[in-house]
Every structure is written in C-alpha cells, then in structure tokens.
PDB file of all heavy atoms in Angstrom:
ATOM      1  N   ALA A   1      27.122  39.932 -15.071  1.00  0.00           N
ATOM      2  CA  ALA A   1      26.266  39.246 -16.075  1.00  0.00           C
ATOM      3  C   ALA A   1      24.890  39.933 -16.138  1.00  0.00           C
ATOM      4  O   ALA A   1      24.354  40.148 -17.238  1.00  0.00           O
ATOM      5  CB  ALA A   1      26.108  37.767 -15.719  1.00  0.00           C
ATOM      6  N   GLU A   2      24.330  40.259 -14.980  1.00  0.00           N
ATOM      7  CA  GLU A   2      23.033  40.927 -14.975  1.00  0.00           C
ATOM      8  C   GLU A   2      23.088  42.304 -15.611  1.00  0.00           C
ATOM      9  O   GLU A   2      22.198  42.703 -16.363  1.00  0.00           O
ATOM     10  CB  GLU A   2      22.505  40.989 -13.544  1.00  0.00           C
ATOM     11  CG  GLU A   2      22.117  39.605 -13.002  1.00  0.00           C
ATOM     12  CD  GLU A   2      21.839  39.605 -11.514  1.00  0.00           C
ATOM     13  OE1 GLU A   2      21.900  40.669 -10.845  1.00  0.00           O
ATOM     14  OE2 GLU A   2      21.503  38.548 -10.994  1.00  0.00           O
ATOM     15  N   ASP A   3      24.171  43.049 -15.349  1.00  0.00           N
ATOM     16  CA  ASP A   3      24.338  44.349 -15.982  1.00  0.00           C
ATOM     17  C   ASP A   3      24.416  44.204 -17.495  1.00  0.00           C
ATOM     18  O   ASP A   3      23.842  45.020 -18.237  1.00  0.00           O
ATOM     19  CB  ASP A   3      25.622  45.054 -15.447  1.00  0.00           C
ATOM     20  CG  ASP A   3      25.486  45.480 -13.998  1.00  0.00           C
ATOM     21  OD1 ASP A   3      24.347  45.522 -13.461  1.00  0.00           O
ATOM     22  OD2 ASP A   3      26.544  45.826 -13.401  1.00  0.00           O
ATOM     23  N   LEU A   4      25.131  43.222 -17.953  1.00  0.00           N
ATOM     24  CA  LEU A   4      25.238  42.994 -19.404  1.00  0.00           C
ATOM     25  C   LEU A   4      23.865  42.642 -19.995  1.00  0.00           C
ATOM     26  O   LEU A   4      23.466  43.150 -21.030  1.00  0.00           O
ATOM     27  CB  LEU A   4      26.242  41.856 -19.674  1.00  0.00           C
ATOM     28  CG  LEU A   4      26.480  41.508 -21.175  1.00  0.00           C
ATOM     29  CD1 LEU A   4      27.137  42.671 -21.850  1.00  0.00           C
ATOM     30  CD2 LEU A   4      27.325  40.292 -21.289  1.00  0.00           C
ATOM     31  N   ALA A   5      23.101  41.788 -19.309  1.00  0.00           N
ATOM     32  CA  ALA A   5      21.784  41.423 -19.740  1.00  0.00           C
ATOM     33  C   ALA A   5      20.856  42.662 -19.857  1.00  0.00           C
ATOM     34  O   ALA A   5      20.095  42.783 -20.797  1.00  0.00           O
ATOM     35  CB  ALA A   5      21.185  40.311 -18.860  1.00  0.00           C
ATOM     36  N   ILE A   6      20.936  43.493 -18.832  1.00  0.00           N
ATOM     37  CA  ILE A   6      20.130  44.711 -18.856  1.00  0.00           C
ATOM     38  C   ILE A   6      20.552  45.639 -20.008  1.00  0.00           C
ATOM     39  O   ILE A   6      19.672  46.173 -20.709  1.00  0.00           O
ATOM     40  CB  ILE A   6      20.213  45.441 -17.469  1.00  0.00           C
ATOM     41  CG1 ILE A   6      19.490  44.603 -16.418  1.00  0.00           C
ATOM     42  CG2 ILE A   6      19.655  46.853 -17.563  1.00  0.00           C
ATOM     43  CD1 ILE A   6      19.770  45.001 -14.975  1.00  0.00           C
ATOM     44  N   ALA A   7      21.829  45.770 -20.211  1.00  0.00           N
ATOM     45  CA  ALA A   7      22.353  46.627 -21.313  1.00  0.00           C
ATOM     46  C   ALA A   7      21.866  46.091 -22.658  1.00  0.00           C
ATOM     47  O   ALA A   7      21.618  46.838 -23.565  1.00  0.00           O
ATOM     48  CB  ALA A   7      23.866  46.686 -21.238  1.00  0.00           C
ATOM     49  N   ARG A   8      21.736  44.775 -22.753  1.00  0.00           N
ATOM     50  CA  ARG A   8      21.263  44.140 -24.007  1.00  0.00           C
ATOM     51  C   ARG A   8      19.731  44.104 -24.092  1.00  0.00           C
ATOM     52  O   ARG A   8      19.202  43.503 -25.005  1.00  0.00           O
ATOM     53  CB  ARG A   8      21.826  42.750 -24.124  1.00  0.00           C
ATOM     54  CG  ARG A   8      23.332  42.728 -24.369  1.00  0.00           C
ATOM     55  CD  ARG A   8      23.783  41.302 -24.588  1.00  0.00           C
ATOM     56  NE  ARG A   8      25.234  41.253 -24.795  1.00  0.00           N
ATOM     57  CZ  ARG A   8      25.863  40.063 -25.028  1.00  0.00           C
ATOM     58  NH1 ARG A   8      25.218  38.939 -24.982  1.00  0.00           N
ATOM     59  NH2 ARG A   8      27.137  40.097 -25.245  1.00  0.00           N
ATOM     60  N   LYS A   9      19.066  44.630 -23.069  1.00  0.00           N
ATOM     61  CA  LYS A   9      17.611  44.655 -22.991  1.00  0.00           C
ATOM     62  C   LYS A   9      17.036  43.224 -22.993  1.00  0.00           C
ATOM     63  O   LYS A   9      15.973  42.987 -23.624  1.00  0.00           O
ATOM     64  CB  LYS A   9      17.011  45.491 -24.126  1.00  0.00           C
ATOM     65  CG  LYS A   9      17.480  46.940 -24.056  1.00  0.00           C
ATOM     66  CD  LYS A   9      16.810  47.798 -25.078  1.00  0.00           C
ATOM     67  CE  LYS A   9      17.263  49.229 -25.106  1.00  0.00           C
ATOM     68  NZ  LYS A   9      17.990  49.822 -24.069  1.00  0.00           N
ATOM     69  N   CYS A  10      17.678  42.333 -22.304  1.00  0.00           N
ATOM     70  CA  CYS A  10      17.177  40.964 -22.180  1.00  0.00           C
ATOM     71  C   CYS A  10      15.975  40.931 -21.241  1.00  0.00           C
ATOM     72  O   CYS A  10      15.851  41.723 -20.335  1.00  0.00           O
ATOM     73  CB  CYS A  10      18.268  40.034 -21.656  1.00  0.00           C
ATOM     74  SG  CYS A  10      19.634  39.783 -22.809  1.00  0.00           S
ATOM     75  N   ARG A  11      15.098  39.933 -21.495  1.00  0.00           N
ATOM     76  CA  ARG A  11      13.924  39.755 -20.649  1.00  0.00           C
ATOM     77  C   ARG A  11      14.343  39.121 -19.319  1.00  0.00           C
ATOM     78  O   ARG A  11      13.803  39.423 -18.264  1.00  0.00           O
ATOM     79  CB  ARG A  11      12.996  38.806 -21.399  1.00  0.00           C
ATOM     80  CG  ARG A  11      11.710  38.429 -20.612  1.00  0.00           C
ATOM     81  CD  ARG A  11      10.985  37.210 -21.185  1.00  0.00           C
ATOM     82  NE  ARG A  11      11.744  36.001 -21.029  1.00  0.00           N
ATOM     83  CZ  ARG A  11      11.717  35.209 -19.928  1.00  0.00           C
ATOM     84  NH1 ARG A  11      10.996  35.543 -18.903  1.00  0.00           N
ATOM     85  NH2 ARG A  11      12.473  34.130 -19.887  1.00  0.00           N
ATOM     86  N   ALA A  12      15.302  38.156 -19.387  1.00  0.00           N
ATOM     87  CA  ALA A  12      15.687  37.383 -18.190  1.00  0.00           C
ATOM     88  C   ALA A  12      17.041  36.775 -18.364  1.00  0.00           C
ATOM     89  O   ALA A  12      17.583  36.677 -19.477  1.00  0.00           O
ATOM     90  CB  ALA A  12      14.642  36.303 -17.890  1.00  0.00           C
ATOM     91  N   ILE A  13      17.579  36.329 -17.247  1.00  0.00           N
ATOM     92  CA  ILE A  13      18.795  35.474 -17.279  1.00  0.00           C
ATOM     93  C   ILE A  13      18.279  34.079 -16.925  1.00  0.00           C
ATOM     94  O   ILE A  13      17.504  33.905 -15.987  1.00  0.00           O
ATOM     95  CB  ILE A  13      19.864  35.900 -16.268  1.00  0.00           C
ATOM     96  CG1 ILE A  13      20.441  37.215 -16.747  1.00  0.00           C
ATOM     97  CG2 ILE A  13      20.932  34.870 -16.112  1.00  0.00           C
ATOM     98  CD1 ILE A  13      21.580  37.718 -15.891  1.00  0.00           C
ATOM     99  N   THR A  14      18.681  33.091 -17.703  1.00  0.00           N
ATOM    100  CA  THR A  14      18.285  31.691 -17.451  1.00  0.00           C
ATOM    101  C   THR A  14      19.540  30.857 -17.196  1.00  0.00           C
ATOM    102  O   THR A  14      20.642  31.227 -17.593  1.00  0.00           O
ATOM    103  CB  THR A  14      17.531  31.115 -18.646  1.00  0.00           C
ATOM    104  OG1 THR A  14      18.416  31.062 -19.794  1.00  0.00           O
ATOM    105  CG2 THR A  14      16.301  31.919 -18.968  1.00  0.00           C
ATOM    106  N   MET A  15      19.345  29.748 -16.516  1.00  0.00           N
ATOM    107  CA  MET A  15      20.441  28.829 -16.243  1.00  0.00           C
ATOM    108  C   MET A  15      19.897  27.463 -15.962  1.00  0.00           C
ATOM    109  O   MET A  15      18.705  27.263 -15.667  1.00  0.00           O
ATOM    110  CB  MET A  15      21.272  29.326 -15.073  1.00  0.00           C
ATOM    111  CG  MET A  15      20.524  29.262 -13.751  1.00  0.00           C
ATOM    112  SD  MET A  15      21.492  29.810 -12.345  1.00  0.00           S
ATOM    113  CE  MET A  15      21.560  31.569 -12.644  1.00  0.00           C
ATOM    114  N   THR A  16      20.819  26.460 -16.003  1.00  0.00           N
ATOM    115  CA  THR A  16      20.445  25.109 -15.593  1.00  0.00           C
ATOM    116  C   THR A  16      21.371  24.749 -14.409  1.00  0.00           C
ATOM    117  O   THR A  16      22.550  25.118 -14.443  1.00  0.00           O
ATOM    118  CB  THR A  16      20.590  24.100 -16.711  1.00  0.00           C
ATOM    119  OG1 THR A  16      21.884  24.153 -17.272  1.00  0.00           O
ATOM    120  CG2 THR A  16      19.568  24.323 -17.813  1.00  0.00           C
ATOM    121  N   VAL A  17      20.825  24.084 -13.430  1.00  0.00           N
ATOM    122  CA  VAL A  17      21.572  23.654 -12.259  1.00  0.00           C
ATOM    123  C   VAL A  17      21.239  22.195 -11.980  1.00  0.00           C
ATOM    124  O   VAL A  17      20.065  21.841 -12.034  1.00  0.00           O
ATOM    125  CB  VAL A  17      21.237  24.533 -11.012  1.00  0.00           C
ATOM    126  CG1 VAL A  17      22.071  24.155  -9.811  1.00  0.00           C
ATOM    127  CG2 VAL A  17      21.420  26.010 -11.292  1.00  0.00           C
ATOM    128  N   ILE A  18      22.280  21.410 -11.680  1.00  0.00           N
ATOM    129  CA  ILE A  18      22.048  19.990 -11.381  1.00  0.00           C
ATOM    130  C   ILE A  18      21.106  19.931 -10.134  1.00  0.00           C
ATOM    131  O   ILE A  18      21.382  20.585  -9.136  1.00  0.00           O
ATOM    132  CB  ILE A  18      23.370  19.285 -11.097  1.00  0.00           C
ATOM    133  CG1 ILE A  18      24.214  19.232 -12.390  1.00  0.00           C
ATOM    134  CG2 ILE A  18      23.137  17.862 -10.609  1.00  0.00           C
ATOM    135  CD1 ILE A  18      25.643  18.716 -12.185  1.00  0.00           C
ATOM    136  N   THR A  19      20.054  19.120 -10.248  1.00  0.00           N
ATOM    137  CA  THR A  19      19.051  19.043  -9.183  1.00  0.00           C
ATOM    138  C   THR A  19      19.631  18.692  -7.792  1.00  0.00           C
ATOM    139  O   THR A  19      19.066  19.205  -6.801  1.00  0.00           O
ATOM    140  CB  THR A  19      17.940  18.067  -9.543  1.00  0.00           C
ATOM    141  OG1 THR A  19      18.535  16.767  -9.778  1.00  0.00           O
ATOM    142  CG2 THR A  19      17.154  18.493 -10.765  1.00  0.00           C
ATOM    143  N   GLN A  20      20.647  17.958  -7.768  1.00  0.00           N
ATOM    144  CA  GLN A  20      21.232  17.570  -6.457  1.00  0.00           C
ATOM    145  C   GLN A  20      22.064  18.668  -5.817  1.00  0.00           C
ATOM    146  O   GLN A  20      22.483  18.507  -4.667  1.00  0.00           O
ATOM    147  CB  GLN A  20      22.179  16.331  -6.656  1.00  0.00           C
ATOM    148  CG  GLN A  20      21.428  15.033  -6.893  1.00  0.00           C
ATOM    149  CD  GLN A  20      21.112  14.773  -8.369  1.00  0.00           C
ATOM    150  OE1 GLN A  20      21.131  15.642  -9.215  1.00  0.00           O
ATOM    151  NE2 GLN A  20      20.821  13.527  -8.691  1.00  0.00           N
ATOM    152  N   ARG A  21      22.265  19.798  -6.506  1.00  0.00           N
ATOM    153  CA  ARG A  21      23.084  20.874  -5.969  1.00  0.00           C
ATOM    154  C   ARG A  21      22.258  21.858  -5.123  1.00  0.00           C
ATOM    155  O   ARG A  21      22.082  23.017  -5.451  1.00  0.00           O
ATOM    156  CB  ARG A  21      23.774  21.624  -7.145  1.00  0.00           C
ATOM    157  CG  ARG A  21      24.654  20.789  -8.033  1.00  0.00           C
ATOM    158  CD  ARG A  21      25.952  20.293  -7.373  1.00  0.00           C
ATOM    159  NE  ARG A  21      26.640  21.339  -6.632  1.00  0.00           N
ATOM    160  CZ  ARG A  21      27.418  22.262  -7.154  1.00  0.00           C
ATOM    161  NH1 ARG A  21      27.690  22.277  -8.412  1.00  0.00           N
ATOM    162  NH2 ARG A  21      27.998  23.160  -6.355  1.00  0.00           N
ATOM    163  N   HIS A  22      21.670  21.331  -4.082  1.00  0.00           N
ATOM    164  CA  HIS A  22      20.744  22.081  -3.277  1.00  0.00           C
ATOM    165  C   HIS A  22      21.340  23.389  -2.712  1.00  0.00           C
ATOM    166  O   HIS A  22      20.677  24.465  -2.721  1.00  0.00           O
ATOM    167  CB  HIS A  22      20.238  21.247  -2.060  1.00  0.00           C
ATOM    168  CG  HIS A  22      19.627  19.974  -2.549  1.00  0.00           C
ATOM    169  ND1 HIS A  22      18.423  19.910  -3.222  1.00  0.00           N
ATOM    170  CD2 HIS A  22      20.020  18.664  -2.447  1.00  0.00           C
ATOM    171  CE1 HIS A  22      18.094  18.681  -3.518  1.00  0.00           C
ATOM    172  NE2 HIS A  22      19.078  17.905  -3.070  1.00  0.00           N
ATOM    173  N   GLU A  23      22.601  23.363  -2.267  1.00  0.00           N
ATOM    174  CA  GLU A  23      23.252  24.595  -1.714  1.00  0.00           C
ATOM    175  C   GLU A  23      23.460  25.624  -2.831  1.00  0.00           C
ATOM    176  O   GLU A  23      23.296  26.831  -2.572  1.00  0.00           O
ATOM    177  CB  GLU A  23      24.559  24.225  -1.024  1.00  0.00           C
ATOM    178  CG  GLU A  23      25.749  23.831  -1.969  1.00  0.00           C
ATOM    179  CD  GLU A  23      25.604  22.539  -2.703  1.00  0.00           C
ATOM    180  OE1 GLU A  23      24.828  21.628  -2.284  1.00  0.00           O
ATOM    181  OE2 GLU A  23      26.305  22.357  -3.727  1.00  0.00           O
ATOM    182  N   LEU A  24      23.690  25.192  -4.050  1.00  0.00           N
ATOM    183  CA  LEU A  24      23.901  26.131  -5.175  1.00  0.00           C
ATOM    184  C   LEU A  24      22.549  26.719  -5.558  1.00  0.00           C
ATOM    185  O   LEU A  24      22.436  27.927  -5.834  1.00  0.00           O
ATOM    186  CB  LEU A  24      24.571  25.444  -6.340  1.00  0.00           C
ATOM    187  CG  LEU A  24      24.946  26.275  -7.503  1.00  0.00           C
ATOM    188  CD1 LEU A  24      25.866  27.452  -7.085  1.00  0.00           C
ATOM    189  CD2 LEU A  24      25.640  25.449  -8.565  1.00  0.00           C
ATOM    190  N   ILE A  25      21.522  25.872  -5.606  1.00  0.00           N
ATOM    191  CA  ILE A  25      20.158  26.381  -5.943  1.00  0.00           C
ATOM    192  C   ILE A  25      19.767  27.435  -4.942  1.00  0.00           C
ATOM    193  O   ILE A  25      19.271  28.495  -5.316  1.00  0.00           O
ATOM    194  CB  ILE A  25      19.175  25.184  -6.014  1.00  0.00           C
ATOM    195  CG1 ILE A  25      19.498  24.293  -7.244  1.00  0.00           C
ATOM    196  CG2 ILE A  25      17.731  25.690  -6.055  1.00  0.00           C
ATOM    197  CD1 ILE A  25      18.821  22.942  -7.222  1.00  0.00           C
ATOM    198  N   ALA A  26      20.014  27.168  -3.666  1.00  0.00           N
ATOM    199  CA  ALA A  26      19.667  28.124  -2.589  1.00  0.00           C
ATOM    200  C   ALA A  26      20.455  29.418  -2.773  1.00  0.00           C
ATOM    201  O   ALA A  26      19.911  30.534  -2.544  1.00  0.00           O
ATOM    202  CB  ALA A  26      19.934  27.505  -1.231  1.00  0.00           C
ATOM    203  N   TRP A  27      21.713  29.332  -3.157  1.00  0.00           N
ATOM    204  CA  TRP A  27      22.556  30.532  -3.389  1.00  0.00           C
ATOM    205  C   TRP A  27      21.955  31.375  -4.506  1.00  0.00           C
ATOM    206  O   TRP A  27      21.807  32.626  -4.316  1.00  0.00           O
ATOM    207  CB  TRP A  27      23.969  30.104  -3.761  1.00  0.00           C
ATOM    208  CG  TRP A  27      24.988  31.196  -3.822  1.00  0.00           C
ATOM    209  CD1 TRP A  27      25.696  31.720  -2.785  1.00  0.00           C
ATOM    210  CD2 TRP A  27      25.402  31.918  -5.015  1.00  0.00           C
ATOM    211  NE1 TRP A  27      26.535  32.728  -3.220  1.00  0.00           N
ATOM    212  CE2 TRP A  27      26.366  32.875  -4.585  1.00  0.00           C
ATOM    213  CE3 TRP A  27      25.030  31.874  -6.347  1.00  0.00           C
ATOM    214  CZ2 TRP A  27      26.983  33.736  -5.481  1.00  0.00           C
ATOM    215  CZ3 TRP A  27      25.623  32.768  -7.236  1.00  0.00           C
ATOM    216  CH2 TRP A  27      26.588  33.666  -6.794  1.00  0.00           C
ATOM    217  N   TYR A  28      21.513  30.760  -5.593  1.00  0.00           N
ATOM    218  CA  TYR A  28      20.906  31.518  -6.683  1.00  0.00           C
ATOM    219  C   TYR A  28      19.542  32.081  -6.234  1.00  0.00           C
ATOM    220  O   TYR A  28      19.193  33.205  -6.603  1.00  0.00           O
ATOM    221  CB  TYR A  28      20.714  30.654  -7.935  1.00  0.00           C
ATOM    222  CG  TYR A  28      22.060  30.518  -8.696  1.00  0.00           C
ATOM    223  CD1 TYR A  28      22.572  29.261  -8.898  1.00  0.00           C
ATOM    224  CD2 TYR A  28      22.680  31.589  -9.259  1.00  0.00           C
ATOM    225  CE1 TYR A  28      23.751  29.113  -9.612  1.00  0.00           C
ATOM    226  CE2 TYR A  28      23.856  31.455  -9.977  1.00  0.00           C
ATOM    227  CZ  TYR A  28      24.423  30.212 -10.134  1.00  0.00           C
ATOM    228  OH  TYR A  28      25.555  30.057 -10.865  1.00  0.00           O
ATOM    229  N   GLU A  29      18.789  31.302  -5.484  1.00  0.00           N
ATOM    230  CA  GLU A  29      17.505  31.813  -5.018  1.00  0.00           C
ATOM    231  C   GLU A  29      17.660  33.093  -4.151  1.00  0.00           C
ATOM    232  O   GLU A  29      16.832  34.015  -4.229  1.00  0.00           O
ATOM    233  CB  GLU A  29      16.730  30.717  -4.254  1.00  0.00           C
ATOM    234  CG  GLU A  29      16.212  29.663  -5.159  1.00  0.00           C
ATOM    235  CD  GLU A  29      15.477  28.528  -4.459  1.00  0.00           C
ATOM    236  OE1 GLU A  29      15.865  28.175  -3.292  1.00  0.00           O
ATOM    237  OE2 GLU A  29      14.526  27.984  -5.017  1.00  0.00           O
ATOM    238  N   ARG A  30      18.684  33.121  -3.340  1.00  0.00           N
ATOM    239  CA  ARG A  30      18.945  34.311  -2.492  1.00  0.00           C
ATOM    240  C   ARG A  30      19.248  35.522  -3.357  1.00  0.00           C
ATOM    241  O   ARG A  30      19.167  36.669  -2.862  1.00  0.00           O
ATOM    242  CB  ARG A  30      20.053  34.011  -1.490  1.00  0.00           C
ATOM    243  CG  ARG A  30      19.655  33.079  -0.396  1.00  0.00           C
ATOM    244  CD  ARG A  30      20.675  33.025   0.747  1.00  0.00           C
ATOM    245  NE  ARG A  30      22.023  32.609   0.355  1.00  0.00           N
ATOM    246  CZ  ARG A  30      22.439  31.341   0.301  1.00  0.00           C
ATOM    247  NH1 ARG A  30      21.616  30.330   0.554  1.00  0.00           N
ATOM    248  NH2 ARG A  30      23.705  31.091  -0.056  1.00  0.00           N
ATOM    249  N   ARG A  31      19.607  35.310  -4.599  1.00  0.00           N
ATOM    250  CA  ARG A  31      19.908  36.392  -5.517  1.00  0.00           C
ATOM    251  C   ARG A  31      18.822  36.627  -6.539  1.00  0.00           C
ATOM    252  O   ARG A  31      19.022  37.283  -7.548  1.00  0.00           O
ATOM    253  CB  ARG A  31      21.251  36.076  -6.210  1.00  0.00           C
ATOM    254  CG  ARG A  31      22.425  36.435  -5.258  1.00  0.00           C
ATOM    255  CD  ARG A  31      23.588  35.473  -5.355  1.00  0.00           C
ATOM    256  NE  ARG A  31      24.435  35.732  -4.191  1.00  0.00           N
ATOM    257  CZ  ARG A  31      24.286  35.126  -2.994  1.00  0.00           C
ATOM    258  NH1 ARG A  31      23.332  34.240  -2.843  1.00  0.00           N
ATOM    259  NH2 ARG A  31      25.097  35.407  -1.982  1.00  0.00           N
ATOM    260  N   GLY A  32      17.642  36.090  -6.265  1.00  0.00           N
ATOM    261  CA  GLY A  32      16.455  36.423  -7.064  1.00  0.00           C
ATOM    262  C   GLY A  32      16.154  35.464  -8.217  1.00  0.00           C
ATOM    263  O   GLY A  32      15.225  35.694  -8.958  1.00  0.00           O
ATOM    264  N   TYR A  33      16.893  34.376  -8.315  1.00  0.00           N
ATOM    265  CA  TYR A  33      16.589  33.378  -9.362  1.00  0.00           C
ATOM    266  C   TYR A  33      15.593  32.384  -8.833  1.00  0.00           C
ATOM    267  O   TYR A  33      15.607  32.037  -7.673  1.00  0.00           O
ATOM    268  CB  TYR A  33      17.914  32.654  -9.767  1.00  0.00           C
ATOM    269  CG  TYR A  33      18.858  33.583 -10.504  1.00  0.00           C
ATOM    270  CD1 TYR A  33      19.649  34.478  -9.811  1.00  0.00           C
ATOM    271  CD2 TYR A  33      18.843  33.622 -11.898  1.00  0.00           C
ATOM    272  CE1 TYR A  33      20.473  35.378 -10.452  1.00  0.00           C
ATOM    273  CE2 TYR A  33      19.688  34.521 -12.559  1.00  0.00           C
ATOM    274  CZ  TYR A  33      20.489  35.380 -11.858  1.00  0.00           C
ATOM    275  OH  TYR A  33      21.270  36.279 -12.515  1.00  0.00           O
ATOM    276  N   ARG A  34      14.698  31.930  -9.693  1.00  0.00           N
ATOM    277  CA  ARG A  34      13.633  31.040  -9.332  1.00  0.00           C
ATOM    278  C   ARG A  34      13.517  29.833 -10.249  1.00  0.00           C
ATOM    279  O   ARG A  34      13.709  29.981 -11.464  1.00  0.00           O
ATOM    280  CB  ARG A  34      12.276  31.775  -9.345  1.00  0.00           C
ATOM    281  CG  ARG A  34      12.194  32.946  -8.411  1.00  0.00           C
ATOM    282  CD  ARG A  34      12.114  32.492  -6.950  1.00  0.00           C
ATOM    283  NE  ARG A  34      12.209  33.599  -6.022  1.00  0.00           N
ATOM    284  CZ  ARG A  34      13.231  33.791  -5.231  1.00  0.00           C
ATOM    285  NH1 ARG A  34      14.270  32.959  -5.221  1.00  0.00           N
ATOM    286  NH2 ARG A  34      13.269  34.797  -4.386  1.00  0.00           N
ATOM    287  N   PRO A  35      13.264  28.674  -9.703  1.00  0.00           N
ATOM    288  CA  PRO A  35      13.028  27.486 -10.562  1.00  0.00           C
ATOM    289  C   PRO A  35      11.808  27.777 -11.431  1.00  0.00           C
ATOM    290  O   PRO A  35      10.813  28.264 -10.963  1.00  0.00           O
ATOM    291  CB  PRO A  35      12.760  26.352  -9.603  1.00  0.00           C
ATOM    292  CG  PRO A  35      13.374  26.765  -8.320  1.00  0.00           C
ATOM    293  CD  PRO A  35      13.219  28.272  -8.293  1.00  0.00           C
ATOM    294  N   THR A  36      11.896  27.424 -12.730  1.00  0.00           N
ATOM    295  CA  THR A  36      10.786  27.625 -13.667  1.00  0.00           C
ATOM    296  C   THR A  36       9.790  26.441 -13.644  1.00  0.00           C
ATOM    297  O   THR A  36       8.709  26.544 -14.202  1.00  0.00           O
ATOM    298  CB  THR A  36      11.282  27.789 -15.066  1.00  0.00           C
ATOM    299  OG1 THR A  36      11.886  26.572 -15.518  1.00  0.00           O
ATOM    300  CG2 THR A  36      12.264  28.956 -15.210  1.00  0.00           C
ATOM    301  N   GLY A  37      10.230  25.310 -13.035  1.00  0.00           N
ATOM    302  CA  GLY A  37       9.415  24.109 -13.100  1.00  0.00           C
ATOM    303  C   GLY A  37       9.890  23.159 -14.203  1.00  0.00           C
ATOM    304  O   GLY A  37       9.473  22.013 -14.231  1.00  0.00           O
ATOM    305  N   GLU A  38      10.665  23.694 -15.118  1.00  0.00           N
ATOM    306  CA  GLU A  38      11.199  22.870 -16.230  1.00  0.00           C
ATOM    307  C   GLU A  38      12.434  22.119 -15.786  1.00  0.00           C
ATOM    308  O   GLU A  38      13.250  22.642 -14.976  1.00  0.00           O
ATOM    309  CB  GLU A  38      11.554  23.809 -17.394  1.00  0.00           C
ATOM    310  CG  GLU A  38      12.095  23.057 -18.588  1.00  0.00           C
ATOM    311  CD  GLU A  38      12.599  23.974 -19.714  1.00  0.00           C
ATOM    312  OE1 GLU A  38      12.350  25.242 -19.635  1.00  0.00           O
ATOM    313  OE2 GLU A  38      13.213  23.476 -20.652  1.00  0.00           O
ATOM    314  N   THR A  39      12.568  20.899 -16.237  1.00  0.00           N
ATOM    315  CA  THR A  39      13.765  20.127 -16.018  1.00  0.00           C
ATOM    316  C   THR A  39      14.335  19.696 -17.376  1.00  0.00           C
ATOM    317  O   THR A  39      13.632  19.653 -18.352  1.00  0.00           O
ATOM    318  CB  THR A  39      13.494  18.860 -15.175  1.00  0.00           C
ATOM    319  OG1 THR A  39      12.586  18.038 -15.847  1.00  0.00           O
ATOM    320  CG2 THR A  39      13.000  19.221 -13.745  1.00  0.00           C
TER     321      THR A  39
END
C-alpha cells in the first residue's frame, strides 16, 4: 500500500482505527503511523 501511495505521489496514508483497539494502534505506530488528534 505504501509503495502504491508513493508511486501515486501521495502526501500520506490515512486510516481510522477504533479507539479501543490499543494493540492495533500500537502495531501501526511501530510502522510509522501517528494519531492526528482527530476522532
């Protein structure tokens, strides 16, 4: 997905994650994704 985004010259990859999914949020954070502060 990241390779596709780079090929398309995207600024960023965005996603939404259920707030209670702490282990999933941590998994994405380990891969460079950060909460934007938006809910």
